[in-house]
Protein backbone atom coordinates (compact mmCIF):
# COMPACT_ATOMS: atom_id res chain seq x y z
CA MET A 1 -29.32 -57.90 46.72
CA VAL A 2 -28.73 -55.27 44.11
CA ALA A 3 -28.96 -51.54 44.69
CA SER A 4 -31.44 -49.44 43.00
CA ALA A 5 -30.39 -47.63 39.96
CA ASP A 6 -30.57 -44.25 41.50
CA ALA A 7 -28.58 -45.39 44.34
CA ILE A 8 -25.69 -46.21 42.09
CA ALA A 9 -23.68 -43.06 41.61
CA PRO A 10 -23.62 -42.63 37.78
CA ASP A 11 -20.34 -40.53 37.76
CA HIS A 12 -18.10 -42.37 40.17
CA PRO A 13 -16.49 -45.46 38.95
CA PRO A 14 -14.00 -47.18 41.18
CA SER A 15 -10.16 -47.18 40.80
CA LEU A 16 -8.73 -49.72 38.61
CA PRO A 17 -8.74 -53.39 40.24
CA ASP A 18 -6.31 -55.99 40.04
CA THR A 19 -6.47 -58.60 37.29
CA THR A 20 -7.86 -61.29 39.46
CA SER A 21 -11.22 -62.75 39.26
CA ASN A 22 -11.99 -61.65 43.01
CA SER A 23 -10.79 -58.16 42.30
CA ASP A 24 -13.15 -58.01 39.10
CA SER A 25 -15.96 -59.03 41.32
CA ALA A 26 -15.04 -56.35 43.90
CA ASP A 27 -14.97 -53.91 41.17
CA LEU A 28 -18.28 -54.65 40.02
CA ALA A 29 -19.63 -54.70 43.59
CA ARG A 30 -18.54 -50.98 43.99
CA PHE A 31 -21.11 -50.20 41.30
CA GLY A 32 -23.64 -51.67 43.43
CA TYR A 33 -24.12 -55.05 41.93
CA GLN A 34 -23.84 -58.36 43.22
CA PRO A 35 -21.11 -60.34 40.94
CA ILE A 36 -23.51 -63.45 40.24
CA LEU A 37 -22.83 -64.17 36.58
CA HIS A 38 -19.60 -66.66 35.95
CA ARG A 39 -16.61 -64.70 34.97
CA LYS A 40 -15.05 -67.22 32.41
CA LEU A 41 -14.21 -65.20 29.28
CA GLY A 42 -10.78 -64.67 28.13
CA ARG A 43 -9.37 -62.07 25.58
CA TYR A 44 -9.96 -64.48 22.61
CA ALA A 45 -13.48 -65.36 23.86
CA SER A 46 -14.32 -61.82 24.18
CA PHE A 47 -12.82 -60.75 20.76
CA ALA A 48 -15.02 -63.73 19.52
CA ALA A 49 -18.27 -62.26 20.91
CA GLY A 50 -17.77 -59.01 18.97
CA PHE A 51 -16.25 -60.60 15.81
CA SER A 52 -19.20 -63.09 15.58
CA PHE A 53 -21.66 -60.37 15.93
CA VAL A 54 -20.35 -58.54 12.98
CA SER A 55 -19.70 -61.93 11.16
CA ILE A 56 -18.65 -60.82 7.77
CA LEU A 57 -19.12 -64.26 6.23
CA THR A 58 -22.85 -64.20 7.25
CA THR A 59 -23.48 -60.58 6.40
CA ILE A 60 -21.35 -60.10 3.31
CA PHE A 61 -22.81 -63.36 1.95
CA GLN A 62 -26.23 -61.89 2.59
CA PHE A 63 -25.80 -58.49 1.16
CA PHE A 64 -23.07 -58.50 -1.45
CA GLY A 65 -25.55 -58.82 -4.43
CA PHE A 66 -27.71 -56.15 -2.66
CA GLY A 67 -24.95 -53.65 -2.67
CA TYR A 68 -23.53 -54.51 -6.17
CA SER A 69 -27.17 -54.03 -7.74
CA PHE A 70 -27.16 -50.49 -6.62
CA GLY A 71 -23.64 -49.25 -6.85
CA GLY A 72 -21.96 -51.36 -9.28
CA ALA A 73 -18.25 -52.40 -8.54
CA ALA A 74 -17.61 -48.99 -6.96
CA PHE A 75 -19.73 -49.69 -4.14
CA PHE A 76 -16.63 -51.19 -2.65
CA TRP A 77 -15.68 -47.65 -1.38
CA THR A 78 -18.84 -47.64 0.99
CA TRP A 79 -16.80 -50.25 2.83
CA PRO A 80 -13.77 -48.18 4.05
CA ILE A 81 -16.16 -44.97 4.61
CA VAL A 82 -18.62 -46.92 6.90
CA PHE A 83 -15.49 -48.75 8.62
CA ALA A 84 -14.04 -45.16 9.36
CA GLY A 85 -17.21 -43.86 10.67
CA GLN A 86 -17.79 -46.87 12.91
CA PHE A 87 -14.40 -46.85 14.23
CA LEU A 88 -15.07 -43.32 15.55
CA VAL A 89 -18.01 -44.78 17.38
CA ALA A 90 -15.86 -47.70 18.56
CA LEU A 91 -13.22 -45.58 19.97
CA ASN A 92 -15.85 -43.97 22.07
CA PHE A 93 -17.16 -47.16 23.17
CA ALA A 94 -13.73 -48.52 24.24
CA GLU A 95 -13.30 -45.68 26.54
CA LEU A 96 -16.54 -46.28 28.11
CA ALA A 97 -16.07 -49.84 28.40
CA ALA A 98 -12.94 -49.28 30.53
CA ARG A 99 -14.67 -47.06 32.81
CA TYR A 100 -18.06 -48.88 33.20
CA PRO A 101 -17.41 -52.72 32.80
CA ILE A 102 -20.92 -53.54 33.32
CA SER A 103 -23.30 -56.02 31.46
CA GLY A 104 -25.97 -54.25 29.30
CA CYS A 105 -23.27 -51.68 28.22
CA ILE A 106 -25.32 -49.44 26.02
CA TYR A 107 -28.10 -48.95 28.65
CA GLN A 108 -25.61 -48.60 31.39
CA TRP A 109 -23.17 -46.06 29.69
CA SER A 110 -26.19 -44.07 28.38
CA ARG A 111 -27.91 -44.05 31.85
CA ARG A 112 -24.60 -43.00 33.63
CA LEU A 113 -24.04 -40.14 31.16
CA ALA A 114 -27.45 -38.74 30.58
CA GLY A 115 -29.73 -40.09 33.23
CA GLU A 116 -32.44 -42.83 33.68
CA VAL A 117 -34.86 -41.69 30.93
CA VAL A 118 -32.17 -41.50 28.32
CA GLY A 119 -30.65 -44.53 29.35
CA TRP A 120 -33.74 -46.36 29.41
CA PHE A 121 -34.65 -45.58 25.87
CA ALA A 122 -31.20 -46.36 24.75
CA GLY A 123 -31.66 -50.11 26.27
CA TRP A 124 -35.22 -50.31 25.02
CA MET A 125 -34.14 -49.40 21.38
CA MET A 126 -31.22 -51.81 21.70
CA ILE A 127 -33.23 -54.74 22.83
CA ILE A 128 -35.52 -54.34 19.96
CA ALA A 129 -32.76 -53.96 17.44
CA GLN A 130 -30.97 -57.04 18.74
CA ILE A 131 -34.09 -59.03 18.57
CA VAL A 132 -34.70 -58.09 14.93
CA THR A 133 -31.16 -58.70 14.25
CA ALA A 134 -30.95 -62.12 15.51
CA ALA A 135 -34.12 -62.87 13.19
CA ALA A 136 -32.52 -61.28 10.20
CA ALA A 137 -29.15 -63.32 10.89
CA ALA A 138 -31.11 -66.29 11.32
CA ILE A 139 -32.68 -66.12 8.03
CA ALA A 140 -29.37 -66.62 6.03
CA LEU A 141 -29.31 -70.18 6.65
CA GLN A 142 -31.75 -70.62 3.83
CA VAL A 143 -29.11 -68.94 1.55
CA VAL A 144 -26.41 -71.59 2.51
CA LEU A 145 -27.84 -74.97 3.79
CA PRO A 146 -29.86 -76.01 0.55
CA SER A 147 -26.79 -75.28 -1.64
CA ILE A 148 -24.69 -77.73 0.40
CA TRP A 149 -27.43 -80.36 0.46
CA SER A 150 -30.83 -80.39 -1.20
CA GLY A 151 -32.20 -82.23 1.88
CA PHE A 152 -32.22 -78.92 3.71
CA GLN A 153 -35.05 -77.87 1.58
CA LEU A 154 -37.66 -79.43 3.87
CA ILE A 155 -40.65 -77.43 2.47
CA GLY A 156 -41.25 -77.65 -1.50
CA THR A 157 -38.53 -77.57 -3.99
CA ASP A 158 -37.69 -73.87 -4.76
CA SER A 159 -34.96 -72.90 -2.42
CA ASP A 160 -34.92 -69.07 -3.62
CA LEU A 161 -35.41 -66.86 -0.44
CA THR A 162 -38.15 -65.11 -2.11
CA SER A 163 -40.25 -67.78 -3.27
CA ARG A 164 -42.96 -69.29 -1.28
CA ASP A 165 -41.12 -72.52 -0.61
CA GLY A 166 -38.01 -70.60 0.16
CA ALA A 167 -39.45 -68.26 2.52
CA SER A 168 -41.24 -70.98 4.38
CA ASN A 169 -38.16 -73.21 4.73
CA ALA A 170 -36.29 -70.04 5.74
CA VAL A 171 -38.68 -69.66 8.63
CA LEU A 172 -38.37 -73.22 9.60
CA LEU A 173 -34.54 -73.29 9.56
CA GLY A 174 -34.15 -70.00 11.31
CA SER A 175 -36.49 -71.07 13.95
CA VAL A 176 -34.51 -74.29 14.46
CA LEU A 177 -31.26 -72.40 14.72
CA LEU A 178 -32.96 -69.98 17.33
CA VAL A 179 -34.00 -72.81 19.17
CA VAL A 180 -30.47 -74.49 19.29
CA THR A 181 -28.78 -70.83 20.21
CA THR A 182 -31.38 -70.50 23.00
CA VAL A 183 -30.32 -73.86 24.56
CA ILE A 184 -26.75 -72.93 24.37
CA ASN A 185 -27.30 -69.69 26.05
CA VAL A 186 -29.22 -71.36 28.78
CA VAL A 187 -26.78 -74.19 29.58
CA GLY A 188 -23.67 -71.66 30.45
CA ILE A 189 -21.26 -69.19 29.32
CA ASP A 190 -18.60 -71.62 29.16
CA TRP A 191 -20.46 -73.63 26.58
CA MET A 192 -21.51 -70.28 24.67
CA ALA A 193 -17.86 -69.39 24.68
CA ARG A 194 -16.38 -72.79 23.53
CA ILE A 195 -18.73 -72.97 20.73
CA ASN A 196 -18.59 -69.34 19.80
CA SER A 197 -14.74 -69.48 19.86
CA LEU A 198 -14.63 -72.43 17.71
CA GLY A 199 -17.10 -71.12 15.30
CA VAL A 200 -15.13 -67.75 14.95
CA THR A 201 -11.99 -69.68 14.22
CA ILE A 202 -13.70 -71.60 11.57
CA GLU A 203 -15.17 -68.36 10.20
CA ILE A 204 -11.59 -66.76 10.17
CA VAL A 205 -10.07 -69.87 8.31
CA GLY A 206 -13.12 -69.62 5.85
CA VAL A 207 -12.41 -66.09 5.37
CA CYS A 208 -8.63 -66.52 4.54
CA ALA A 209 -9.58 -69.50 2.29
CA VAL A 210 -12.04 -67.22 0.33
CA ILE A 211 -9.51 -64.45 -0.05
CA ALA A 212 -6.97 -66.80 -1.09
CA VAL A 213 -9.21 -68.43 -3.88
CA PHE A 214 -10.38 -65.20 -5.02
CA PHE A 215 -7.10 -63.50 -5.36
CA THR A 216 -5.34 -66.60 -7.13
CA HIS A 217 -8.25 -66.55 -9.73
CA THR A 218 -8.74 -63.00 -10.73
CA ASP A 219 -10.23 -62.02 -14.15
CA ARG A 220 -9.47 -58.32 -13.90
CA GLY A 221 -7.32 -56.03 -11.89
CA PRO A 222 -8.17 -53.87 -8.74
CA GLY A 223 -9.15 -51.02 -11.10
CA VAL A 224 -12.54 -52.47 -10.98
CA VAL A 225 -13.33 -50.67 -8.08
CA THR A 226 -13.80 -47.50 -10.14
CA HIS A 227 -16.57 -49.03 -12.38
CA THR A 228 -19.97 -47.69 -12.05
CA ASP A 229 -21.49 -48.93 -15.43
CA GLN A 230 -23.54 -51.57 -13.53
CA ALA A 231 -25.11 -49.23 -10.87
CA ALA A 232 -28.74 -48.52 -10.61
CA SER A 233 -30.27 -45.80 -12.85
CA GLY A 234 -30.37 -42.33 -11.65
CA PRO A 235 -27.64 -40.13 -10.08
CA TYR A 236 -24.78 -42.22 -8.87
CA TRP A 237 -24.42 -40.53 -5.62
CA ALA A 238 -28.10 -41.73 -4.73
CA ALA A 239 -27.16 -45.37 -5.93
CA PHE A 240 -24.06 -45.14 -3.71
CA LEU A 241 -25.56 -44.04 -0.79
CA ALA A 242 -28.35 -46.93 -1.11
CA SER A 243 -25.42 -49.48 -1.79
CA GLY A 244 -23.92 -48.47 1.72
CA LEU A 245 -26.65 -50.40 3.45
CA MET A 246 -24.56 -53.61 2.99
CA ALA A 247 -21.45 -52.22 4.69
CA ALA A 248 -23.65 -50.46 7.42
CA TYR A 249 -25.50 -53.83 8.23
CA VAL A 250 -22.07 -55.72 8.64
CA MET A 251 -20.19 -53.24 10.89
CA VAL A 252 -22.44 -53.36 13.98
CA GLY A 253 -22.24 -55.29 17.22
CA PHE A 254 -18.61 -54.70 18.02
CA ASP A 255 -19.95 -53.44 21.38
CA SER A 256 -20.79 -57.07 22.48
CA ALA A 257 -17.54 -57.33 24.46
CA GLY A 258 -19.11 -54.62 26.53
CA GLU A 259 -22.21 -56.56 26.97
CA LEU A 260 -20.26 -59.52 28.28
CA SER A 261 -18.19 -57.25 30.76
CA GLU A 262 -19.51 -59.07 33.85
CA GLU A 263 -18.29 -62.35 32.59
CA THR A 264 -15.04 -61.28 31.26
CA LYS A 265 -11.63 -61.43 33.06
CA ASN A 266 -10.01 -58.13 33.58
CA PRO A 267 -12.87 -56.42 31.63
CA ARG A 268 -11.36 -53.00 32.04
CA HIS A 269 -8.51 -53.92 29.77
CA VAL A 270 -9.91 -56.61 27.69
CA ALA A 271 -13.21 -55.19 26.65
CA PRO A 272 -11.92 -51.75 25.12
CA ARG A 273 -9.24 -53.80 23.22
CA THR A 274 -11.57 -56.61 21.72
CA ILE A 275 -14.16 -53.82 20.73
CA LEU A 276 -11.53 -52.14 18.63
CA SER A 277 -9.94 -55.38 17.19
CA ALA A 278 -13.17 -57.00 16.63
CA LEU A 279 -14.18 -54.16 14.19
CA ALA A 280 -10.63 -53.78 12.72
CA VAL A 281 -10.28 -57.35 11.74
CA SER A 282 -13.73 -57.61 10.40
CA ALA A 283 -13.09 -54.53 8.29
CA LEU A 284 -9.76 -55.93 6.98
CA GLY A 285 -11.23 -59.20 6.24
CA GLY A 286 -14.29 -57.97 4.68
CA GLY A 287 -12.55 -55.55 2.35
CA LEU A 288 -10.39 -58.21 1.02
CA ILE A 289 -13.44 -60.37 0.30
CA LEU A 290 -15.13 -57.66 -1.42
CA LEU A 291 -12.33 -56.53 -3.56
CA GLY A 292 -11.34 -60.30 -4.47
CA ALA A 293 -14.93 -61.04 -5.41
CA LEU A 294 -15.08 -58.04 -7.78
CA MET A 295 -11.70 -59.07 -9.22
CA ALA A 296 -12.80 -62.84 -9.57
CA ALA A 297 -16.31 -62.58 -10.77
CA PRO A 298 -16.68 -64.29 -14.01
CA SER A 299 -18.91 -61.45 -15.28
CA LEU A 300 -19.99 -58.00 -14.01
CA SER A 301 -22.65 -57.44 -16.61
CA ASP A 302 -24.75 -60.43 -17.03
CA GLY A 303 -26.81 -59.82 -13.80
CA SER A 304 -25.45 -62.99 -11.96
CA LEU A 305 -23.22 -60.86 -9.68
CA ALA A 306 -26.24 -58.79 -8.59
CA SER A 307 -28.59 -61.93 -8.11
CA GLY A 308 -26.29 -64.52 -6.81
CA GLY A 309 -23.85 -62.30 -5.05
CA LEU A 310 -20.95 -64.06 -3.18
CA ALA A 311 -22.25 -67.54 -3.73
CA TYR A 312 -22.09 -66.90 -7.40
CA VAL A 313 -18.29 -66.07 -7.47
CA ILE A 314 -17.60 -69.05 -5.03
CA GLU A 315 -19.43 -71.74 -6.97
CA ALA A 316 -17.76 -70.29 -10.19
CA LYS A 317 -14.18 -70.52 -8.97
CA LEU A 318 -14.40 -73.74 -6.55
CA THR A 319 -15.20 -77.29 -7.48
CA THR A 320 -18.21 -78.93 -5.83
CA VAL A 321 -16.38 -80.07 -2.79
CA PRO A 322 -14.30 -77.17 -1.81
CA GLY A 323 -17.15 -75.01 -2.69
CA LYS A 324 -19.30 -76.83 0.00
CA ILE A 325 -16.56 -76.76 2.47
CA VAL A 326 -16.60 -72.90 2.07
CA LEU A 327 -20.33 -72.82 2.37
CA ALA A 328 -20.21 -74.88 5.55
CA CYS A 329 -17.82 -72.40 6.95
CA VAL A 330 -20.56 -69.78 6.19
CA ALA A 331 -23.20 -71.85 7.96
CA CYS A 332 -20.93 -72.18 11.03
CA ALA A 333 -20.54 -68.28 10.80
CA ILE A 334 -24.29 -67.81 10.68
CA THR A 335 -24.78 -69.91 13.72
CA VAL A 336 -22.21 -68.13 15.98
CA CYS A 337 -23.49 -64.82 14.66
CA THR A 338 -27.04 -65.70 15.86
CA LEU A 339 -25.65 -67.09 19.03
CA ALA A 340 -23.71 -63.89 19.74
CA ILE A 341 -26.40 -61.67 19.03
CA GLN A 342 -28.92 -63.60 21.36
CA THR A 343 -26.21 -63.81 24.18
CA ALA A 344 -25.72 -59.83 23.96
CA GLY A 345 -29.39 -59.21 23.94
CA SER A 346 -29.88 -61.47 26.88
CA ARG A 347 -27.32 -59.59 28.89
CA LEU A 348 -28.79 -56.46 28.09
CA LEU A 349 -32.31 -57.64 29.19
CA PHE A 350 -30.88 -59.02 32.55
CA SER A 351 -29.14 -55.68 33.25
CA MET A 352 -32.29 -53.66 32.72
CA ALA A 353 -34.49 -55.98 34.75
CA ARG A 354 -31.84 -56.27 37.55
CA ASP A 355 -32.49 -52.50 37.93
CA GLY A 356 -36.29 -52.95 38.04
CA ARG A 357 -36.58 -51.09 34.61
CA LEU A 358 -38.63 -53.87 32.75
CA PRO A 359 -41.93 -55.71 33.20
CA PHE A 360 -41.28 -58.96 34.84
CA ALA A 361 -38.10 -57.85 36.30
CA LYS A 362 -37.63 -60.46 38.72
CA PRO A 363 -37.68 -63.61 36.39
CA LEU A 364 -35.66 -61.78 33.89
CA SER A 365 -32.87 -60.83 36.45
CA THR A 366 -32.80 -64.34 37.81
CA VAL A 367 -29.53 -66.40 37.06
CA HIS A 368 -29.49 -70.24 37.10
CA PRO A 369 -27.36 -71.38 40.12
CA ARG A 370 -25.75 -74.06 37.99
CA PHE A 371 -25.46 -72.66 34.61
CA GLY A 372 -24.79 -69.04 35.78
CA THR A 373 -26.91 -67.74 32.97
CA PRO A 374 -30.19 -65.49 32.89
CA VAL A 375 -32.29 -68.08 31.49
CA TRP A 376 -35.64 -66.15 30.74
CA PRO A 377 -33.85 -63.32 28.90
CA ALA A 378 -32.50 -65.93 26.36
CA VAL A 379 -35.74 -67.53 25.93
CA VAL A 380 -37.62 -64.17 25.49
CA ILE A 381 -35.22 -63.18 22.71
CA GLY A 382 -35.49 -66.54 21.00
CA VAL A 383 -39.27 -66.72 20.91
CA LEU A 384 -39.51 -63.18 19.75
CA GLY A 385 -37.01 -63.91 16.90
CA ILE A 386 -39.07 -66.76 15.94
CA GLY A 387 -42.22 -64.68 15.95
CA LEU A 388 -40.55 -62.24 13.57
CA LEU A 389 -39.48 -64.72 11.27
CA ALA A 390 -43.04 -65.97 10.90
CA LEU A 391 -43.99 -62.61 9.60
CA ASN A 392 -42.14 -63.53 6.30
CA LEU A 393 -44.63 -63.96 3.52
CA GLY A 394 -42.13 -64.62 0.68
CA ASN A 395 -41.99 -60.79 -0.13
CA ALA A 396 -38.81 -59.98 -1.86
CA ALA A 397 -38.51 -56.78 0.23
CA MET A 398 -39.12 -58.53 3.53
CA PHE A 399 -35.48 -59.39 4.25
CA ALA A 400 -34.00 -56.16 3.20
CA THR A 401 -36.81 -54.49 5.18
CA LEU A 402 -35.97 -56.52 8.60
CA ALA A 403 -32.06 -55.53 7.98
CA SER A 404 -32.66 -51.71 7.28
CA VAL A 405 -34.82 -51.74 10.42
CA CYS A 406 -32.51 -53.53 12.78
CA ILE A 407 -29.63 -51.19 11.31
CA VAL A 408 -31.60 -47.90 11.92
CA MET A 409 -32.45 -49.10 15.55
CA LEU A 410 -28.84 -49.96 16.30
CA TYR A 411 -27.60 -46.65 15.05
CA LEU A 412 -30.17 -44.70 16.89
CA ALA A 413 -29.23 -46.76 20.21
CA TYR A 414 -25.48 -45.93 19.64
CA LEU A 415 -26.52 -42.13 19.33
CA LEU A 416 -28.22 -42.38 22.64
CA VAL A 417 -24.74 -43.09 23.84
CA THR A 418 -22.62 -40.81 21.65
CA VAL A 419 -24.62 -37.52 21.95
CA PRO A 420 -24.68 -37.64 25.82
CA LEU A 421 -21.12 -38.53 25.95
CA LEU A 422 -20.13 -35.49 23.81
CA VAL A 423 -22.18 -33.24 26.12
CA ARG A 424 -20.38 -34.68 29.17
CA ARG A 425 -17.06 -34.28 27.40
CA VAL A 426 -17.58 -30.59 26.75
CA LYS A 427 -18.27 -30.27 30.56
CA GLY A 428 -15.12 -31.95 31.28
CA TRP A 429 -15.55 -35.84 31.16
CA PRO A 430 -13.83 -38.09 32.11
CA ALA A 431 -11.71 -35.65 34.22
CA ASP A 432 -14.53 -34.54 36.34
CA VAL A 433 -15.36 -38.15 37.33
CA ALA A 434 -14.11 -38.58 40.86
CA GLY A 435 -11.42 -41.48 41.24
CA ASP A 436 -10.93 -41.48 37.42
CA ALA A 437 -7.72 -38.89 37.57
CA ALA A 438 -5.86 -41.12 40.33
CA GLY A 439 -3.17 -42.28 37.94
CA THR A 440 -5.27 -45.27 36.80
CA LYS A 441 -4.11 -46.24 33.17
CA LEU A 442 -7.38 -46.92 31.32
CA PHE A 443 -8.07 -46.60 27.67
CA ALA A 444 -8.48 -42.75 27.02
CA LEU A 445 -8.83 -40.60 23.79
CA GLY A 446 -7.24 -37.64 25.79
CA ARG A 447 -7.33 -34.31 23.86
CA PHE A 448 -8.79 -36.06 20.82
CA GLY A 449 -11.96 -36.94 22.67
CA ILE A 450 -14.29 -34.16 21.73
CA PRO A 451 -13.33 -34.11 18.00
CA ILE A 452 -13.54 -37.86 17.59
CA ASN A 453 -16.96 -37.78 19.60
CA ALA A 454 -18.42 -34.88 17.60
CA LEU A 455 -17.58 -36.71 14.23
CA ALA A 456 -19.13 -39.99 15.56
CA VAL A 457 -22.32 -38.07 16.30
CA VAL A 458 -22.30 -36.45 12.86
CA TRP A 459 -21.76 -39.80 11.23
CA GLY A 460 -24.46 -41.43 13.36
CA ILE A 461 -27.01 -39.04 12.33
CA ALA A 462 -26.08 -39.12 8.64
CA MET A 463 -26.31 -42.85 8.62
CA ALA A 464 -29.54 -43.13 10.38
CA VAL A 465 -31.13 -40.58 7.91
CA ASN A 466 -29.65 -42.54 4.89
CA LEU A 467 -30.71 -46.01 6.11
CA ALA A 468 -34.14 -44.92 7.05
CA TRP A 469 -34.80 -43.04 3.93
CA PRO A 470 -38.17 -44.34 2.24
CA ARG A 471 -36.52 -45.82 -0.98
CA SER A 472 -38.94 -47.87 -2.99
CA ALA A 473 -35.97 -49.83 -4.65
CA VAL A 474 -35.07 -50.84 -1.05
CA TYR A 475 -38.26 -51.26 0.67
CA THR A 476 -40.72 -52.05 -2.24
CA PRO A 477 -38.75 -53.44 -5.18
CA THR A 478 -41.83 -55.58 -6.47
CA GLY A 479 -44.38 -53.38 -5.12
CA GLY A 480 -46.00 -53.02 -1.69
CA GLY A 481 -48.17 -50.93 0.69
CA TRP A 482 -46.92 -47.38 1.98
CA TRP A 483 -46.26 -49.03 5.18
CA MET A 484 -43.51 -50.94 3.81
CA LEU A 485 -41.91 -47.85 2.14
CA TRP A 486 -41.95 -46.08 5.42
CA ALA A 487 -40.98 -49.22 7.39
CA ALA A 488 -37.90 -47.87 9.13
CA PRO A 489 -39.14 -44.48 10.42
CA LEU A 490 -42.73 -46.16 11.36
CA PHE A 491 -40.86 -48.81 13.28
CA VAL A 492 -38.84 -46.36 15.06
CA LEU A 493 -41.96 -44.35 16.12
CA ILE A 494 -43.81 -47.48 17.20
CA THR A 495 -40.86 -48.57 19.23
CA VAL A 496 -40.58 -45.03 20.98
CA ALA A 497 -44.28 -45.08 21.55
CA VAL A 498 -44.67 -48.71 22.89
CA GLY A 499 -41.22 -47.81 24.84
CA ALA A 500 -42.88 -44.77 26.44
CA VAL A 501 -45.89 -46.83 27.61
CA VAL A 502 -43.61 -49.53 29.06
CA HIS A 503 -41.60 -46.76 30.79
CA ARG A 504 -44.77 -45.31 32.44
CA ILE A 505 -45.75 -48.82 33.59
CA VAL A 506 -42.26 -49.77 35.24
CA THR A 507 -41.58 -46.42 36.61
CA PRO A 508 -44.57 -46.21 39.19
CA ALA A 509 -44.04 -49.79 40.21
CA ARG A 510 -40.43 -48.83 40.91
CA GLY A 511 -40.83 -48.60 44.53
CA LEU A 512 -42.06 -52.31 44.60
CA VAL A 513 -38.96 -53.35 42.55
CA GLU A 514 -36.54 -50.84 43.91
CA ALA A 515 -34.09 -53.44 44.73
CA VAL A 516 -34.41 -56.38 42.45
CA PRO A 517 -32.16 -59.20 43.53
CA ALA A 518 -30.18 -61.27 41.21
CA THR A 519 -31.58 -64.44 42.51
CA GLN A 520 -31.17 -67.76 41.78
CA ILE A 521 -33.61 -70.44 40.49
CA ALA A 522 -34.18 -72.96 43.57
């Protein structure tokens, strides 16, 4: 039986446990939760979960052309800027992961810092963001698979993502991928970890191969990153801010190690390290890919780099067989990226349902006795992701719109953690938390906590505004209704409004589901 959310003391984490699985389970039990998920993830599997969510091959492959079309070669500088801002957020998340090693981390952290209502909306917004992100990641298969083999173009002949044939085929391929990732998520964390770790290893090899090819086939020097001549018209600062969407879309999801805390061995030490390492390794590899592509591109001015993106450079520098091998690595990266997003989202659904904070809480908090996985959360995310894919009608802005919306939602969910954390820091956190000052050696920012936290909040607000700004070049490049231009703010308002209704529904019923058991399917 799981204790109700209010019965769990939000400010009193237990002392540091031993590193054995039994002590990890005892540690979780002190938070009031029955340790029912299977604790099988080691350090590399935990790192792989965060790295695959970020998935630099997937996201840079998708959005390199977008960034270049706005900012020209100098859009490269958005990469280190976004990394610096997101690393500030990751440092705060690492400290929280060490103190609250619980699945559904964004919801759990926010709730323990600011109370049930704020925590609920943080979790709600994160759930919606992860569903949209899973759909946006699955779309990327259409960019890769037909280039490897024309047989993957099952509908029509035009594989262009913005064509009717390409859009329809993207829905089909993405839906098949979500079905596959749903099955993997259902059959067990061990299978998910093995496939994800293998996929991440392939992606890392692919990243290294791409970097090596680019830097051994350069057409110009590194000074290319100062060129702005191919930027969009208008003041450069505006084009630069718009081009930052690419980097902002890539560097999210590093908190996935925290989402899987209840399935990770020694999570208080492992999760903080893997949160930071997943983001740092992704930033290094992605930065080298960007620089290498700009140096190796056959032309910066004929429009091919903006329209073809990273695929244009790869195809120009590699013969057919090596090029297809690299594209196969990208396909693996897309698969494990979608898998990791769905896994993280299912654990968040499970965590909130376990506290009785969602409709249909009992089935959503049920864990399969053999597989040790929350089956229904994985199915729900898969089905809703496929539903979002079906909304694509071949509009050129639809994919950028999906990406922009999911990023804004993620940044807002992150803010619902960093803002309450800053307030608590000013009041003395973590020293005001009973049991935390008893000599335990957890990851801590110490006296740098308040300034780092404050900068993370400023960064998060600035980026949320930048990403949601209704730019016609981003949301309606070929025309469209006003609702598409204002898609991001409208989606946020609708999410909050629907969330308020759902919250009112589950709150009165809470007395009936006060202690939702993490039951097992008979």
